[in-house]
Structure formats: C-alpha cells, structure tokens
PDB file of N, CA and C in Angstrom:
ATOM      1  N   MET A   1     100.120 137.313  91.396  1.00  0.00           N
ATOM      2  CA  MET A   1     100.574 135.873  92.092  1.00  0.00           C
ATOM      3  C   MET A   1     102.221 135.680  91.698  1.00  0.00           C
ATOM      4  N   SER A   2     102.890 135.411  93.109  1.00  0.00           N
ATOM      5  CA  SER A   2     103.837 134.914  92.892  1.00  0.00           C
ATOM      6  C   SER A   2     104.446 133.332  92.420  1.00  0.00           C
ATOM      7  N   ARG A   3     105.429 133.136  92.175  1.00  0.00           N
ATOM      8  CA  ARG A   3     105.630 131.635  91.736  1.00  0.00           C
ATOM      9  C   ARG A   3     105.480 130.589  92.883  1.00  0.00           C
ATOM     10  N   TRP A   4     105.761 131.008  93.868  1.00  0.00           N
ATOM     11  CA  TRP A   4     105.666 130.127  95.220  1.00  0.00           C
ATOM     12  C   TRP A   4     104.068 130.295  94.988  1.00  0.00           C
ATOM     13  N   ASP A   5     103.221 131.170  95.135  1.00  0.00           N
ATOM     14  CA  ASP A   5     101.859 131.216  95.336  1.00  0.00           C
ATOM     15  C   ASP A   5     101.276 130.306  94.240  1.00  0.00           C
ATOM     16  N   LYS A   6     101.681 130.301  93.054  1.00  0.00           N
ATOM     17  CA  LYS A   6     101.018 129.553  92.197  1.00  0.00           C
ATOM     18  C   LYS A   6     101.379 128.022  92.369  1.00  0.00           C
ATOM     19  N   LEU A   7     102.804 127.790  92.716  1.00  0.00           N
ATOM     20  CA  LEU A   7     103.129 126.378  93.035  1.00  0.00           C
ATOM     21  C   LEU A   7     102.300 125.793  94.314  1.00  0.00           C
ATOM     22  N   LEU A   8     101.839 126.590  95.352  1.00  0.00           N
ATOM     23  CA  LEU A   8     100.920 126.131  96.323  1.00  0.00           C
ATOM     24  C   LEU A   8      99.452 126.114  95.868  1.00  0.00           C
ATOM     25  N   ALA A   9      99.074 126.713  94.829  1.00  0.00           N
ATOM     26  CA  ALA A   9      97.731 126.624  94.425  1.00  0.00           C
ATOM     27  C   ALA A   9      97.620 125.306  93.298  1.00  0.00           C
ATOM     28  N   LYS A  10      98.884 124.973  92.875  1.00  0.00           N
ATOM     29  CA  LYS A  10      99.228 123.588  91.977  1.00  0.00           C
ATOM     30  C   LYS A  10      98.731 122.690  92.592  1.00  0.00           C
ATOM     31  N   ILE A  11      99.205 122.759  93.965  1.00  0.00           N
ATOM     32  CA  ILE A  11      99.361 121.379  94.787  1.00  0.00           C
ATOM     33  C   ILE A  11      97.876 121.378  95.482  1.00  0.00           C
ATOM     34  N   LYS A  12      97.304 122.375  95.752  1.00  0.00           N
ATOM     35  CA  LYS A  12      96.003 122.542  96.474  1.00  0.00           C
ATOM     36  C   LYS A  12      94.918 121.705  95.505  1.00  0.00           C
ATOM     37  N   SER A  13      95.248 122.087  94.122  1.00  0.00           N
ATOM     38  CA  SER A  13      94.270 121.701  93.314  1.00  0.00           C
ATOM     39  C   SER A  13      94.444 120.127  92.637  1.00  0.00           C
ATOM     40  N   LEU A  14      95.269 119.484  93.623  1.00  0.00           N
ATOM     41  CA  LEU A  14      95.687 118.244  92.942  1.00  0.00           C
ATOM     42  C   LEU A  14      95.989 118.143  91.849  1.00  0.00           C
ATOM     43  N   ASP A  15      96.837 119.052  91.043  1.00  0.00           N
ATOM     44  CA  ASP A  15      97.366 118.931  89.593  1.00  0.00           C
ATOM     45  C   ASP A  15      98.032 117.713  89.293  1.00  0.00           C
ATOM     46  N   LYS A  16      97.548 116.961  88.152  1.00  0.00           N
ATOM     47  CA  LYS A  16      98.032 115.820  88.040  1.00  0.00           C
ATOM     48  C   LYS A  16      99.640 115.646  87.232  1.00  0.00           C
ATOM     49  N   ASP A  17      99.976 116.844  87.057  1.00  0.00           N
ATOM     50  CA  ASP A  17     101.259 117.145  86.250  1.00  0.00           C
ATOM     51  C   ASP A  17     102.367 117.746  86.977  1.00  0.00           C
ATOM     52  N   MET A  18     102.350 117.395  88.562  1.00  0.00           N
ATOM     53  CA  MET A  18     103.372 117.826  89.058  1.00  0.00           C
ATOM     54  C   MET A  18     104.634 117.180  88.939  1.00  0.00           C
ATOM     55  N   ARG A  19     105.593 117.674  89.124  1.00  0.00           N
ATOM     56  CA  ARG A  19     107.095 117.413  89.232  1.00  0.00           C
ATOM     57  C   ARG A  19     107.978 117.010  90.597  1.00  0.00           C
ATOM     58  N   PHE A  20     108.652 116.135  90.388  1.00  0.00           N
ATOM     59  CA  PHE A  20     109.473 115.709  91.719  1.00  0.00           C
ATOM     60  C   PHE A  20     110.051 117.081  92.252  1.00  0.00           C
ATOM     61  N   ALA A  21     110.647 117.836  91.484  1.00  0.00           N
ATOM     62  CA  ALA A  21     111.407 118.968  91.750  1.00  0.00           C
ATOM     63  C   ALA A  21     110.567 120.148  92.505  1.00  0.00           C
ATOM     64  N   GLU A  22     109.485 120.068  91.904  1.00  0.00           N
ATOM     65  CA  GLU A  22     108.366 121.022  92.675  1.00  0.00           C
ATOM     66  C   GLU A  22     107.923 120.583  94.082  1.00  0.00           C
ATOM     67  N   LEU A  23     107.650 119.142  94.054  1.00  0.00           N
ATOM     68  CA  LEU A  23     107.168 118.758  95.843  1.00  0.00           C
ATOM     69  C   LEU A  23     108.655 118.985  96.582  1.00  0.00           C
ATOM     70  N   ASN A  24     109.481 118.494  96.137  1.00  0.00           N
ATOM     71  CA  ASN A  24     111.112 118.646  96.762  1.00  0.00           C
ATOM     72  C   ASN A  24     111.284 120.017  97.384  1.00  0.00           C
ATOM     73  N   LYS A  25     111.050 120.908  96.530  1.00  0.00           N
ATOM     74  CA  LYS A  25     111.078 122.450  96.829  1.00  0.00           C
ATOM     75  C   LYS A  25     110.058 122.853  97.985  1.00  0.00           C
ATOM     76  N   VAL A  26     108.813 122.246  97.900  1.00  0.00           N
ATOM     77  CA  VAL A  26     107.872 122.795  99.025  1.00  0.00           C
ATOM     78  C   VAL A  26     108.574 122.054 100.190  1.00  0.00           C
ATOM     79  N   LEU A  27     108.598 121.121 100.206  1.00  0.00           N
ATOM     80  CA  LEU A  27     108.810 120.082 101.488  1.00  0.00           C
ATOM     81  C   LEU A  27     110.213 120.657 102.025  1.00  0.00           C
ATOM     82  N   GLN A  28     111.335 121.115 101.497  1.00  0.00           N
ATOM     83  CA  GLN A  28     112.374 121.589 101.931  1.00  0.00           C
ATOM     84  C   GLN A  28     112.207 122.810 102.437  1.00  0.00           C
ATOM     85  N   SER A  29     111.251 123.665 102.016  1.00  0.00           N
ATOM     86  CA  SER A  29     111.170 125.118 102.380  1.00  0.00           C
ATOM     87  C   SER A  29     110.417 125.059 103.592  1.00  0.00           C
ATOM     88  N   TYR A  30     109.405 124.129 103.910  1.00  0.00           N
ATOM     89  CA  TYR A  30     108.736 123.780 105.396  1.00  0.00           C
ATOM     90  C   TYR A  30     109.712 122.803 106.389  1.00  0.00           C
ATOM     91  N   GLY A  31     110.999 122.914 105.998  1.00  0.00           N
ATOM     92  CA  GLY A  31     111.954 122.101 107.288  1.00  0.00           C
ATOM     93  C   GLY A  31     112.121 120.729 107.016  1.00  0.00           C
ATOM     94  N   TYR A  32     111.600 120.460 106.160  1.00  0.00           N
ATOM     95  CA  TYR A  32     111.844 118.779 106.008  1.00  0.00           C
ATOM     96  C   TYR A  32     113.172 118.601 105.468  1.00  0.00           C
ATOM     97  N   THR A  33     113.920 117.487 106.057  1.00  0.00           N
ATOM     98  CA  THR A  33     115.245 117.484 105.367  1.00  0.00           C
ATOM     99  C   THR A  33     114.990 116.123 104.508  1.00  0.00           C
ATOM    100  N   VAL A  34     115.858 115.979 103.532  1.00  0.00           N
ATOM    101  CA  VAL A  34     115.821 114.700 102.409  1.00  0.00           C
ATOM    102  C   VAL A  34     116.835 113.767 102.584  1.00  0.00           C
ATOM    103  N   SER A  35     116.375 112.607 102.569  1.00  0.00           N
ATOM    104  CA  SER A  35     117.358 111.388 102.529  1.00  0.00           C
ATOM    105  C   SER A  35     117.239 110.931 101.244  1.00  0.00           C
ATOM    106  N   GLN A  36     118.482 111.314 100.241  1.00  0.00           N
ATOM    107  CA  GLN A  36     118.585 110.560  98.989  1.00  0.00           C
ATOM    108  C   GLN A  36     118.641 108.879  99.172  1.00  0.00           C
ATOM    109  N   PRO A  37     118.378 108.478  98.056  1.00  0.00           N
ATOM    110  CA  PRO A  37     118.066 106.788  98.070  1.00  0.00           C
ATOM    111  C   PRO A  37     119.753 106.457  97.818  1.00  0.00           C
ATOM    112  N   LYS A  38     119.951 105.117  98.173  1.00  0.00           N
ATOM    113  CA  LYS A  38     121.348 104.742  97.978  1.00  0.00           C
ATOM    114  C   LYS A  38     120.983 103.166  97.153  1.00  0.00           C
ATOM    115  N   ARG A  39     121.816 102.912  96.425  1.00  0.00           N
ATOM    116  CA  ARG A  39     121.928 101.619  95.780  1.00  0.00           C
ATOM    117  C   ARG A  39     120.912 101.405  94.614  1.00  0.00           C
ATOM    118  N   GLY A  40     120.356 102.424  93.888  1.00  0.00           N
ATOM    119  CA  GLY A  40     119.567 102.330  92.967  1.00  0.00           C
ATOM    120  C   GLY A  40     118.220 102.362  93.215  1.00  0.00           C
ATOM    121  N   SER A  41     117.819 102.919  94.306  1.00  0.00           N
ATOM    122  CA  SER A  41     116.348 103.255  94.892  1.00  0.00           C
ATOM    123  C   SER A  41     116.012 104.627  94.273  1.00  0.00           C
ATOM    124  N   SER A  42     114.645 104.633  93.800  1.00  0.00           N
ATOM    125  CA  SER A  42     114.242 106.077  93.537  1.00  0.00           C
ATOM    126  C   SER A  42     113.322 106.769  94.264  1.00  0.00           C
ATOM    127  N   HIS A  43     113.334 106.033  95.509  1.00  0.00           N
ATOM    128  CA  HIS A  43     112.418 106.944  96.430  1.00  0.00           C
ATOM    129  C   HIS A  43     113.325 107.620  97.395  1.00  0.00           C
ATOM    130  N   TYR A  44     112.843 108.839  97.796  1.00  0.00           N
ATOM    131  CA  TYR A  44     113.386 109.783  98.480  1.00  0.00           C
ATOM    132  C   TYR A  44     112.447 110.180  99.784  1.00  0.00           C
ATOM    133  N   THR A  45     113.019 110.091 101.147  1.00  0.00           N
ATOM    134  CA  THR A  45     112.488 110.214 102.178  1.00  0.00           C
ATOM    135  C   THR A  45     112.722 111.536 103.013  1.00  0.00           C
ATOM    136  N   TYR A  46     111.641 112.095 103.327  1.00  0.00           N
ATOM    137  CA  TYR A  46     111.626 113.423 103.957  1.00  0.00           C
ATOM    138  C   TYR A  46     111.098 113.419 105.107  1.00  0.00           C
ATOM    139  N   ARG A  47     111.941 114.151 106.221  1.00  0.00           N
ATOM    140  CA  ARG A  47     111.792 113.852 107.629  1.00  0.00           C
ATOM    141  C   ARG A  47     111.792 115.213 108.346  1.00  0.00           C
ATOM    142  N   LYS A  48     110.675 115.195 109.544  1.00  0.00           N
ATOM    143  CA  LYS A  48     110.950 116.597 110.169  1.00  0.00           C
ATOM    144  C   LYS A  48     110.622 116.289 111.499  1.00  0.00           C
ATOM    145  N   ALA A  49     111.307 116.796 112.432  1.00  0.00           N
ATOM    146  CA  ALA A  49     110.994 116.698 113.733  1.00  0.00           C
ATOM    147  C   ALA A  49     109.459 116.793 114.271  1.00  0.00           C
ATOM    148  N   GLY A  50     109.080 115.849 114.700  1.00  0.00           N
ATOM    149  CA  GLY A  50     107.400 115.887 115.424  1.00  0.00           C
ATOM    150  C   GLY A  50     106.464 115.466 114.171  1.00  0.00           C
ATOM    151  N   CYS A  51     106.965 115.178 113.079  1.00  0.00           N
ATOM    152  CA  CYS A  51     106.044 114.564 112.276  1.00  0.00           C
ATOM    153  C   CYS A  51     106.446 113.277 111.402  1.00  0.00           C
ATOM    154  N   ASN A  52     105.662 112.533 110.739  1.00  0.00           N
ATOM    155  CA  ASN A  52     105.772 111.225 110.136  1.00  0.00           C
ATOM    156  C   ASN A  52     106.655 111.504 108.820  1.00  0.00           C
ATOM    157  N   PRO A  53     107.272 110.732 108.749  1.00  0.00           N
ATOM    158  CA  PRO A  53     108.365 110.936 107.400  1.00  0.00           C
ATOM    159  C   PRO A  53     107.193 110.375 106.258  1.00  0.00           C
ATOM    160  N   ILE A  54     107.652 111.139 105.153  1.00  0.00           N
ATOM    161  CA  ILE A  54     107.012 110.813 103.845  1.00  0.00           C
ATOM    162  C   ILE A  54     107.762 110.521 102.942  1.00  0.00           C
ATOM    163  N   THR A  55     107.717 109.442 101.693  1.00  0.00           N
ATOM    164  CA  THR A  55     108.382 108.959 100.841  1.00  0.00           C
ATOM    165  C   THR A  55     107.721 109.056  99.489  1.00  0.00           C
ATOM    166  N   ILE A  56     108.710 109.710  98.727  1.00  0.00           N
ATOM    167  CA  ILE A  56     108.151 110.308  97.214  1.00  0.00           C
ATOM    168  C   ILE A  56     109.259 109.440  96.083  1.00  0.00           C
ATOM    169  N   PRO A  57     108.725 109.146  95.234  1.00  0.00           N
ATOM    170  CA  PRO A  57     109.475 108.379  94.165  1.00  0.00           C
ATOM    171  C   PRO A  57     109.913 109.439  93.237  1.00  0.00           C
ATOM    172  N   ASN A  58     111.043 109.455  92.728  1.00  0.00           N
ATOM    173  CA  ASN A  58     111.451 110.389  91.756  1.00  0.00           C
ATOM    174  C   ASN A  58     110.989 109.849  90.386  1.00  0.00           C
ATOM    175  N   HIS A  59     109.800 110.043  90.145  1.00  0.00           N
ATOM    176  CA  HIS A  59     109.296 109.891  88.706  1.00  0.00           C
ATOM    177  C   HIS A  59     108.558 110.922  88.322  1.00  0.00           C
ATOM    178  N   GLU A  60     108.209 111.019  86.894  1.00  0.00           N
ATOM    179  CA  GLU A  60     107.635 112.123  86.427  1.00  0.00           C
ATOM    180  C   GLU A  60     106.610 111.278  85.281  1.00  0.00           C
ATOM    181  N   PRO A  61     105.130 112.063  85.647  1.00  0.00           N
ATOM    182  CA  PRO A  61     104.526 112.663  86.800  1.00  0.00           C
ATOM    183  C   PRO A  61     104.319 112.166  88.001  1.00  0.00           C
ATOM    184  N   ILE A  62     104.332 112.741  88.934  1.00  0.00           N
ATOM    185  CA  ILE A  62     104.187 112.432  90.173  1.00  0.00           C
ATOM    186  C   ILE A  62     102.701 111.511  90.701  1.00  0.00           C
ATOM    187  N   LYS A  63     102.582 110.572  90.937  1.00  0.00           N
ATOM    188  CA  LYS A  63     101.191 109.811  91.248  1.00  0.00           C
ATOM    189  C   LYS A  63     100.409 111.087  92.340  1.00  0.00           C
ATOM    190  N   ILE A  64      99.181 111.031  91.868  1.00  0.00           N
ATOM    191  CA  ILE A  64      98.379 111.767  92.842  1.00  0.00           C
ATOM    192  C   ILE A  64      98.297 111.678  94.491  1.00  0.00           C
ATOM    193  N   VAL A  65      98.467 110.383  94.546  1.00  0.00           N
ATOM    194  CA  VAL A  65      98.460 109.899  96.256  1.00  0.00           C
ATOM    195  C   VAL A  65      99.599 110.894  96.759  1.00  0.00           C
ATOM    196  N   TYR A  66     100.785 110.997  96.303  1.00  0.00           N
ATOM    197  CA  TYR A  66     101.783 111.755  96.824  1.00  0.00           C
ATOM    198  C   TYR A  66     101.608 113.090  96.855  1.00  0.00           C
ATOM    199  N   VAL A  67     101.071 113.725  95.741  1.00  0.00           N
ATOM    200  CA  VAL A  67     100.597 115.098  95.938  1.00  0.00           C
ATOM    201  C   VAL A  67      99.463 115.586  96.834  1.00  0.00           C
ATOM    202  N   LYS A  68      98.452 114.594  97.231  1.00  0.00           N
ATOM    203  CA  LYS A  68      97.684 114.627  98.341  1.00  0.00           C
ATOM    204  C   LYS A  68      98.423 114.578  99.585  1.00  0.00           C
ATOM    205  N   MET A  69      99.357 113.842  99.731  1.00  0.00           N
ATOM    206  CA  MET A  69     100.209 113.899 100.918  1.00  0.00           C
ATOM    207  C   MET A  69     101.157 115.500 101.520  1.00  0.00           C
ATOM    208  N   VAL A  70     101.574 115.689 100.092  1.00  0.00           N
ATOM    209  CA  VAL A  70     102.129 117.154 100.332  1.00  0.00           C
ATOM    210  C   VAL A  70     101.185 118.303 100.562  1.00  0.00           C
ATOM    211  N   LYS A  71      99.747 118.032  99.908  1.00  0.00           N
ATOM    212  CA  LYS A  71      98.707 119.137 100.269  1.00  0.00           C
ATOM    213  C   LYS A  71      98.356 119.189 101.559  1.00  0.00           C
ATOM    214  N   GLU A  72      98.217 117.841 102.302  1.00  0.00           N
ATOM    215  CA  GLU A  72      98.142 118.022 103.957  1.00  0.00           C
ATOM    216  C   GLU A  72      99.110 118.675 104.528  1.00  0.00           C
ATOM    217  N   ILE A  73     100.484 118.623 104.154  1.00  0.00           N
ATOM    218  CA  ILE A  73     101.442 118.843 104.946  1.00  0.00           C
ATOM    219  C   ILE A  73     101.342 120.441 104.952  1.00  0.00           C
ATOM    220  N   VAL A  74     100.979 120.991 103.648  1.00  0.00           N
ATOM    221  CA  VAL A  74     101.058 122.331 103.255  1.00  0.00           C
ATOM    222  C   VAL A  74      99.832 123.059 103.919  1.00  0.00           C
ATOM    223  N   GLU A  75      98.553 122.417 103.920  1.00  0.00           N
ATOM    224  CA  GLU A  75      97.484 123.038 104.991  1.00  0.00           C
ATOM    225  C   GLU A  75      97.751 123.182 106.298  1.00  0.00           C
ATOM    226  N   SER A  76      98.477 121.958 106.898  1.00  0.00           N
ATOM    227  CA  SER A  76      98.835 122.095 108.271  1.00  0.00           C
ATOM    228  C   SER A  76      99.853 122.842 108.741  1.00  0.00           C
ATOM    229  N   GLU A  77     100.916 122.928 107.598  1.00  0.00           N
ATOM    230  CA  GLU A  77     101.926 124.310 107.981  1.00  0.00           C
ATOM    231  C   GLU A  77     101.359 125.767 107.829  1.00  0.00           C
ATOM    232  N   GLN A  78     100.311 125.767 106.945  1.00  0.00           N
ATOM    233  CA  GLN A  78      99.568 127.075 107.008  1.00  0.00           C
ATOM    234  C   GLN A  78      98.703 127.391 108.107  1.00  0.00           C
ATOM    235  N   ASN A  79      97.847 126.494 108.631  1.00  0.00           N
ATOM    236  CA  ASN A  79      96.910 126.366 109.803  1.00  0.00           C
ATOM    237  C   ASN A  79      98.097 126.599 111.141  1.00  0.00           C
ATOM    238  N   ASN A  80      99.190 126.006 111.075  1.00  0.00           N
ATOM    239  CA  ASN A  80     100.095 126.370 112.330  1.00  0.00           C
ATOM    240  C   ASN A  80     100.723 127.874 112.057  1.00  0.00           C
ATOM    241  N   LYS A  81     100.683 128.527 111.149  1.00  0.00           N
ATOM    242  CA  LYS A  81     101.661 129.570 110.496  1.00  0.00           C
ATOM    243  C   LYS A  81     100.256 130.901 111.071  1.00  0.00           C
ATOM    244  N   GLU A  82      99.123 130.460 110.885  1.00  0.00           N
ATOM    245  CA  GLU A  82      98.086 131.338 111.186  1.00  0.00           C
ATOM    246  C   GLU A  82      97.776 131.286 112.797  1.00  0.00           C
ATOM    247  N   GLU A  83      98.201 130.234 113.488  1.00  0.00           N
ATOM    248  CA  GLU A  83      98.013 130.465 114.919  1.00  0.00           C
ATOM    249  C   GLU A  83      98.730 131.103 115.660  1.00  0.00           C
TER     250      GLU A  83
END
C-alpha cells in the first residue's frame, strides 16, 4: 500500500490524529486552491470551481468535523473518477 493510499484510508477511517499538512496535501491534489490567512487568522480556505469552499483551521490535531468534510470530498472525487 502506497503512502497516498494509507493517507486516504486514514481519512476514510476518520482518524482523530490527522494533521493539517495531510489534509492540505489531499485537497491540493484534488485541484483545490488554497487562500492563506491574512492578519493573524489561522483558517485556510480551499476553493475549486463548481464546489463549495471549505475552511480548515491550522491547528493540531484537526477536529473530526473537518476530517469528515475532507472525507466527503475524497469520496465524491473517487466516484467522479470511476464514472
């Protein structure tokens, strides 16, 4: 199993020890562009044409609600890839 597959499996299992860098890597690989915060904010916003934006705080560990959002994105991207 490759690192990428392990990372996706970790997201799908809703691991509580996810790191911001891991979610960042997944979202950017699926074509999301990131807007870094300005003036002291820790929330990064990811955007992709035709999709709702997703905002994730840069804190460790990432709360499960944000992992669930990324899980939904991963599953929808995999479903689109299969079609």
